[in-house]
Amino acid sequence: MSDIKRQSRRTVYENRWMKVHEDVVTFPDGSNGIYGVVDKDDFVLIVPQHADGRFQLVQQFRYPVGGRYWEFPQGSWETKPGTDPEKVALAELEEETGYLAHSLTRLGHLFEACGFSNQGFHAFLATGLQEGRVNRDKEEQDMQTASFSLEAIHDMIRAGQIKDAPTIAALGLLAISEHG
């Protein structure tokens, strides 16, 4: 079977973080339809692991879902597209948690929600952590950070305190890596 083919694209919304497109498409059987596509640059997600095995998480209010949840540090540099993801990961880790990493290991690349967005994320394991300096963006002013054992993280997922899909997916990447 052949792929879905885009016939035309209309950008219906755009800001510095994303574009939303409405695509007219042709399906493999020849019928036509539309797709709404959120076009966003990839981001990085960092799994910071302390020497004692605990993981550093951040918590902040997430406006689109109207709640505070714990997650691994993550972010992107909208003003510097194309920056090496490892460089972004190291900077985001310090910015959000105040920790520097001695070692960064790539865990993989996943798509966040490939049913409606092209955005993916690069996941990294950060080890050899040492204290640095927190330097959060204004959108992150309510952010908190704390460390948790893997067992506590599993409990937090079950209790609904962690609902961020990339965070949970990164735990899966960590589990199947040689470091997990």
C-alpha atoms as a PDB file:
ATOM      1  CA  MET A   1       0.000   0.000   0.000  1.00  0.00           C
ATOM      2  CA  SER A   2       1.256   3.471  -0.789  1.00  0.00           C
ATOM      3  CA  ASP A   3       1.555   6.360   1.644  1.00  0.00           C
ATOM      4  CA  ILE A   4      -0.801   9.260   2.187  1.00  0.00           C
ATOM      5  CA  LYS A   5       0.147  12.079  -0.243  1.00  0.00           C
ATOM      6  CA  ARG A   6      -0.127  15.783   0.556  1.00  0.00           C
ATOM      7  CA  GLN A   7      -1.840  17.765  -2.200  1.00  0.00           C
ATOM      8  CA  SER A   8      -1.742  21.203  -0.581  1.00  0.00           C
ATOM      9  CA  ARG A   9      -0.913  22.938   2.689  1.00  0.00           C
ATOM     10  CA  ARG A  10      -2.378  26.005   4.362  1.00  0.00           C
ATOM     11  CA  THR A  11      -0.774  27.457   7.499  1.00  0.00           C
ATOM     12  CA  VAL A  12      -3.645  28.388   9.811  1.00  0.00           C
ATOM     13  CA  TYR A  13      -1.637  29.561  12.828  1.00  0.00           C
ATOM     14  CA  GLU A  14       1.963  30.448  13.613  1.00  0.00           C
ATOM     15  CA  ASN A  15       3.988  31.743  16.569  1.00  0.00           C
ATOM     16  CA  ARG A  16       7.635  31.458  17.635  1.00  0.00           C
ATOM     17  CA  TRP A  17       7.107  27.932  19.016  1.00  0.00           C
ATOM     18  CA  MET A  18       4.937  26.252  16.391  1.00  0.00           C
ATOM     19  CA  LYS A  19       3.006  26.316  13.140  1.00  0.00           C
ATOM     20  CA  VAL A  20      -0.347  24.640  12.615  1.00  0.00           C
ATOM     21  CA  HIS A  21      -1.101  23.465   9.088  1.00  0.00           C
ATOM     22  CA  GLU A  22      -4.198  22.085   7.404  1.00  0.00           C
ATOM     23  CA  ASP A  23      -3.143  19.670   4.677  1.00  0.00           C
ATOM     24  CA  VAL A  24      -5.381  18.362   1.910  1.00  0.00           C
ATOM     25  CA  VAL A  25      -4.313  14.747   1.374  1.00  0.00           C
ATOM     26  CA  THR A  26      -5.028  11.786  -0.865  1.00  0.00           C
ATOM     27  CA  PHE A  27      -5.298   8.401   0.852  1.00  0.00           C
ATOM     28  CA  PRO A  28      -3.953   5.169  -0.691  1.00  0.00           C
ATOM     29  CA  ASP A  29      -7.424   4.275  -2.053  1.00  0.00           C
ATOM     30  CA  GLY A  30      -7.594   7.595  -3.963  1.00  0.00           C
ATOM     31  CA  SER A  31     -10.053   9.320  -1.623  1.00  0.00           C
ATOM     32  CA  ASN A  32      -9.264  12.792  -0.290  1.00  0.00           C
ATOM     33  CA  GLY A  33      -9.258  14.168   3.245  1.00  0.00           C
ATOM     34  CA  ILE A  34      -7.545  16.639   5.526  1.00  0.00           C
ATOM     35  CA  TYR A  35      -4.913  16.421   8.228  1.00  0.00           C
ATOM     36  CA  GLY A  36      -4.201  19.005  10.919  1.00  0.00           C
ATOM     37  CA  VAL A  37      -0.447  19.044  11.560  1.00  0.00           C
ATOM     38  CA  VAL A  38       1.379  20.749  14.421  1.00  0.00           C
ATOM     39  CA  ASP A  39       4.852  21.623  13.134  1.00  0.00           C
ATOM     40  CA  LYS A  40       7.365  22.021  15.981  1.00  0.00           C
ATOM     41  CA  ASP A  41      11.110  21.669  16.273  1.00  0.00           C
ATOM     42  CA  ASP A  42      12.457  18.723  18.225  1.00  0.00           C
ATOM     43  CA  PHE A  43      13.288  19.125  21.890  1.00  0.00           C
ATOM     44  CA  VAL A  44      15.647  17.424  24.307  1.00  0.00           C
ATOM     45  CA  LEU A  45      14.781  15.452  27.423  1.00  0.00           C
ATOM     46  CA  ILE A  46      17.381  14.749  30.077  1.00  0.00           C
ATOM     47  CA  VAL A  47      17.302  11.807  32.507  1.00  0.00           C
ATOM     48  CA  PRO A  48      19.592  13.088  35.297  1.00  0.00           C
ATOM     49  CA  GLN A  49      20.806  10.188  37.448  1.00  0.00           C
ATOM     50  CA  HIS A  50      22.728  10.828  40.659  1.00  0.00           C
ATOM     51  CA  ALA A  51      25.548   8.529  41.797  1.00  0.00           C
ATOM     52  CA  ASP A  52      23.197   6.967  44.394  1.00  0.00           C
ATOM     53  CA  GLY A  53      20.746   5.961  41.610  1.00  0.00           C
ATOM     54  CA  ARG A  54      18.148   8.642  42.325  1.00  0.00           C
ATOM     55  CA  PHE A  55      16.770  10.729  39.459  1.00  0.00           C
ATOM     56  CA  GLN A  56      16.333  14.504  39.377  1.00  0.00           C
ATOM     57  CA  LEU A  57      12.868  15.632  38.262  1.00  0.00           C
ATOM     58  CA  VAL A  58      11.237  19.013  37.809  1.00  0.00           C
ATOM     59  CA  GLN A  59       7.668  20.065  38.491  1.00  0.00           C
ATOM     60  CA  GLN A  60       5.855  22.995  36.976  1.00  0.00           C
ATOM     61  CA  PHE A  61       2.371  24.143  36.087  1.00  0.00           C
ATOM     62  CA  ARG A  62       1.486  23.000  32.564  1.00  0.00           C
ATOM     63  CA  TYR A  63      -1.042  25.495  31.250  1.00  0.00           C
ATOM     64  CA  PRO A  64      -2.581  23.363  28.433  1.00  0.00           C
ATOM     65  CA  VAL A  65      -3.624  20.641  30.919  1.00  0.00           C
ATOM     66  CA  GLY A  66      -4.191  22.935  33.899  1.00  0.00           C
ATOM     67  CA  GLY A  67      -2.052  21.053  36.407  1.00  0.00           C
ATOM     68  CA  ARG A  68       1.336  20.601  38.077  1.00  0.00           C
ATOM     69  CA  TYR A  69       3.177  17.386  37.272  1.00  0.00           C
ATOM     70  CA  TRP A  70       6.638  15.948  37.750  1.00  0.00           C
ATOM     71  CA  GLU A  71       8.739  15.227  34.666  1.00  0.00           C
ATOM     72  CA  PHE A  72      12.315  14.961  33.488  1.00  0.00           C
ATOM     73  CA  PRO A  73      13.927  18.282  32.491  1.00  0.00           C
ATOM     74  CA  GLN A  74      13.285  19.110  28.856  1.00  0.00           C
ATOM     75  CA  GLY A  75      13.350  21.984  26.440  1.00  0.00           C
ATOM     76  CA  SER A  76      14.449  23.465  23.160  1.00  0.00           C
ATOM     77  CA  TRP A  77      16.090  26.580  21.800  1.00  0.00           C
ATOM     78  CA  GLU A  78      13.520  28.162  19.488  1.00  0.00           C
ATOM     79  CA  THR A  79      15.829  31.108  18.823  1.00  0.00           C
ATOM     80  CA  LYS A  80      18.739  28.839  17.806  1.00  0.00           C
ATOM     81  CA  PRO A  81      17.293  26.078  15.600  1.00  0.00           C
ATOM     82  CA  GLY A  82      19.741  23.425  14.513  1.00  0.00           C
ATOM     83  CA  THR A  83      21.863  23.620  17.689  1.00  0.00           C
ATOM     84  CA  ASP A  84      23.473  20.290  18.606  1.00  0.00           C
ATOM     85  CA  PRO A  85      20.978  18.473  20.869  1.00  0.00           C
ATOM     86  CA  GLU A  86      23.752  17.502  23.314  1.00  0.00           C
ATOM     87  CA  LYS A  87      24.638  21.165  23.835  1.00  0.00           C
ATOM     88  CA  VAL A  88      20.966  22.003  24.397  1.00  0.00           C
ATOM     89  CA  ALA A  89      20.593  19.070  26.823  1.00  0.00           C
ATOM     90  CA  LEU A  90      23.536  20.161  28.974  1.00  0.00           C
ATOM     91  CA  ALA A  91      22.290  23.751  29.103  1.00  0.00           C
ATOM     92  CA  GLU A  92      18.654  22.788  29.834  1.00  0.00           C
ATOM     93  CA  LEU A  93      19.768  20.465  32.645  1.00  0.00           C
ATOM     94  CA  GLU A  94      21.635  23.244  34.425  1.00  0.00           C
ATOM     95  CA  GLU A  95      18.985  25.870  33.651  1.00  0.00           C
ATOM     96  CA  GLU A  96      16.125  23.827  35.121  1.00  0.00           C
ATOM     97  CA  THR A  97      17.794  21.803  37.914  1.00  0.00           C
ATOM     98  CA  GLY A  98      21.013  23.631  38.724  1.00  0.00           C
ATOM     99  CA  TYR A  99      23.058  20.489  37.959  1.00  0.00           C
ATOM    100  CA  LEU A 100      25.945  20.030  35.553  1.00  0.00           C
ATOM    101  CA  ALA A 101      26.587  16.623  33.969  1.00  0.00           C
ATOM    102  CA  HIS A 102      30.046  15.082  33.617  1.00  0.00           C
ATOM    103  CA  SER A 103      28.694  12.526  31.118  1.00  0.00           C
ATOM    104  CA  LEU A 104      25.828  12.546  28.642  1.00  0.00           C
ATOM    105  CA  THR A 105      24.676   9.348  26.907  1.00  0.00           C
ATOM    106  CA  ARG A 106      22.189   9.370  24.029  1.00  0.00           C
ATOM    107  CA  LEU A 107      19.245   7.057  24.805  1.00  0.00           C
ATOM    108  CA  GLY A 108      17.381   7.605  21.540  1.00  0.00           C
ATOM    109  CA  HIS A 109      14.966   9.743  19.530  1.00  0.00           C
ATOM    110  CA  LEU A 110      11.192   9.360  19.743  1.00  0.00           C
ATOM    111  CA  PHE A 111       8.159  11.210  18.409  1.00  0.00           C
ATOM    112  CA  GLU A 112       5.965  12.825  21.028  1.00  0.00           C
ATOM    113  CA  ALA A 113       2.595  12.520  19.249  1.00  0.00           C
ATOM    114  CA  CYS A 114       3.102  11.384  15.650  1.00  0.00           C
ATOM    115  CA  GLY A 115      -0.639  11.258  14.968  1.00  0.00           C
ATOM    116  CA  PHE A 116      -0.810  15.054  14.742  1.00  0.00           C
ATOM    117  CA  SER A 117       2.689  16.513  15.186  1.00  0.00           C
ATOM    118  CA  ASN A 118       6.117  16.121  13.596  1.00  0.00           C
ATOM    119  CA  GLN A 119       7.856  17.029  16.877  1.00  0.00           C
ATOM    120  CA  GLY A 120      10.253  14.514  18.295  1.00  0.00           C
ATOM    121  CA  PHE A 121      12.679  14.508  21.167  1.00  0.00           C
ATOM    122  CA  HIS A 122      16.233  13.418  21.838  1.00  0.00           C
ATOM    123  CA  ALA A 123      16.551  11.613  25.172  1.00  0.00           C
ATOM    124  CA  PHE A 124      19.829  11.644  27.101  1.00  0.00           C
ATOM    125  CA  LEU A 125      21.041  10.049  30.315  1.00  0.00           C
ATOM    126  CA  ALA A 126      23.061  12.573  32.351  1.00  0.00           C
ATOM    127  CA  THR A 127      25.462  11.208  34.980  1.00  0.00           C
ATOM    128  CA  GLY A 128      28.339  12.526  37.055  1.00  0.00           C
ATOM    129  CA  LEU A 129      26.087  15.290  38.345  1.00  0.00           C
ATOM    130  CA  GLN A 130      27.498  18.226  40.264  1.00  0.00           C
ATOM    131  CA  GLU A 131      25.823  21.383  41.456  1.00  0.00           C
ATOM    132  CA  GLY A 132      25.779  24.316  39.084  1.00  0.00           C
ATOM    133  CA  ARG A 133      23.446  27.295  38.916  1.00  0.00           C
ATOM    134  CA  VAL A 134      19.706  27.396  38.191  1.00  0.00           C
ATOM    135  CA  ASN A 135      18.855  29.930  35.471  1.00  0.00           C
ATOM    136  CA  ARG A 136      15.221  29.400  34.496  1.00  0.00           C
ATOM    137  CA  ASP A 137      13.251  31.202  31.782  1.00  0.00           C
ATOM    138  CA  LYS A 138      10.339  33.399  32.863  1.00  0.00           C
ATOM    139  CA  GLU A 139       7.899  30.648  31.786  1.00  0.00           C
ATOM    140  CA  GLU A 140       9.629  28.343  34.295  1.00  0.00           C
ATOM    141  CA  GLN A 141       9.514  30.668  37.319  1.00  0.00           C
ATOM    142  CA  ASP A 142       7.227  28.302  39.271  1.00  0.00           C
ATOM    143  CA  MET A 143       9.426  25.258  38.600  1.00  0.00           C
ATOM    144  CA  GLN A 144      10.579  23.045  41.467  1.00  0.00           C
ATOM    145  CA  THR A 145      13.169  20.276  41.405  1.00  0.00           C
ATOM    146  CA  ALA A 146      13.780  17.221  43.602  1.00  0.00           C
ATOM    147  CA  SER A 147      15.363  13.780  43.385  1.00  0.00           C
ATOM    148  CA  PHE A 148      13.484  10.476  43.599  1.00  0.00           C
ATOM    149  CA  SER A 149      14.278   6.779  43.556  1.00  0.00           C
ATOM    150  CA  LEU A 150      13.119   4.725  40.578  1.00  0.00           C
ATOM    151  CA  GLU A 151      10.591   2.982  42.850  1.00  0.00           C
ATOM    152  CA  ALA A 152       9.193   6.366  43.932  1.00  0.00           C
ATOM    153  CA  ILE A 153       8.947   7.425  40.277  1.00  0.00           C
ATOM    154  CA  HIS A 154       6.970   4.272  39.472  1.00  0.00           C
ATOM    155  CA  ASP A 155       4.644   5.067  42.393  1.00  0.00           C
ATOM    156  CA  MET A 156       4.260   8.652  41.131  1.00  0.00           C
ATOM    157  CA  ILE A 157       3.283   7.378  37.677  1.00  0.00           C
ATOM    158  CA  ARG A 158       0.667   5.068  39.217  1.00  0.00           C
ATOM    159  CA  ALA A 159      -0.646   7.938  41.377  1.00  0.00           C
ATOM    160  CA  GLY A 160      -0.950  10.326  38.421  1.00  0.00           C
ATOM    161  CA  GLN A 161       1.784  12.686  39.650  1.00  0.00           C
ATOM    162  CA  ILE A 162       3.763  11.978  36.462  1.00  0.00           C
ATOM    163  CA  LYS A 163       1.651  12.138  33.307  1.00  0.00           C
ATOM    164  CA  ASP A 164       4.225  13.436  30.833  1.00  0.00           C
ATOM    165  CA  ALA A 165       4.436  10.850  28.042  1.00  0.00           C
ATOM    166  CA  PRO A 166       8.031  11.727  27.018  1.00  0.00           C
ATOM    167  CA  THR A 167       9.172  11.254  30.631  1.00  0.00           C
ATOM    168  CA  ILE A 168       7.576   7.812  30.790  1.00  0.00           C
ATOM    169  CA  ALA A 169       8.909   6.915  27.332  1.00  0.00           C
ATOM    170  CA  ALA A 170      12.421   7.979  28.387  1.00  0.00           C
ATOM    171  CA  LEU A 171      12.185   5.578  31.327  1.00  0.00           C
ATOM    172  CA  GLY A 172      11.444   2.867  28.766  1.00  0.00           C
ATOM    173  CA  LEU A 173      14.496   3.852  26.709  1.00  0.00           C
ATOM    174  CA  LEU A 174      16.597   3.792  29.869  1.00  0.00           C
ATOM    175  CA  ALA A 175      15.282   0.340  30.814  1.00  0.00           C
ATOM    176  CA  ILE A 176      16.247  -1.153  27.457  1.00  0.00           C
ATOM    177  CA  SER A 177      19.644   0.558  27.271  1.00  0.00           C
ATOM    178  CA  GLU A 178      22.776  -1.007  28.687  1.00  0.00           C
ATOM    179  CA  HIS A 179      22.612   1.638  31.427  1.00  0.00           C
ATOM    180  CA  GLY A 180      19.143   0.670  32.713  1.00  0.00           C
END
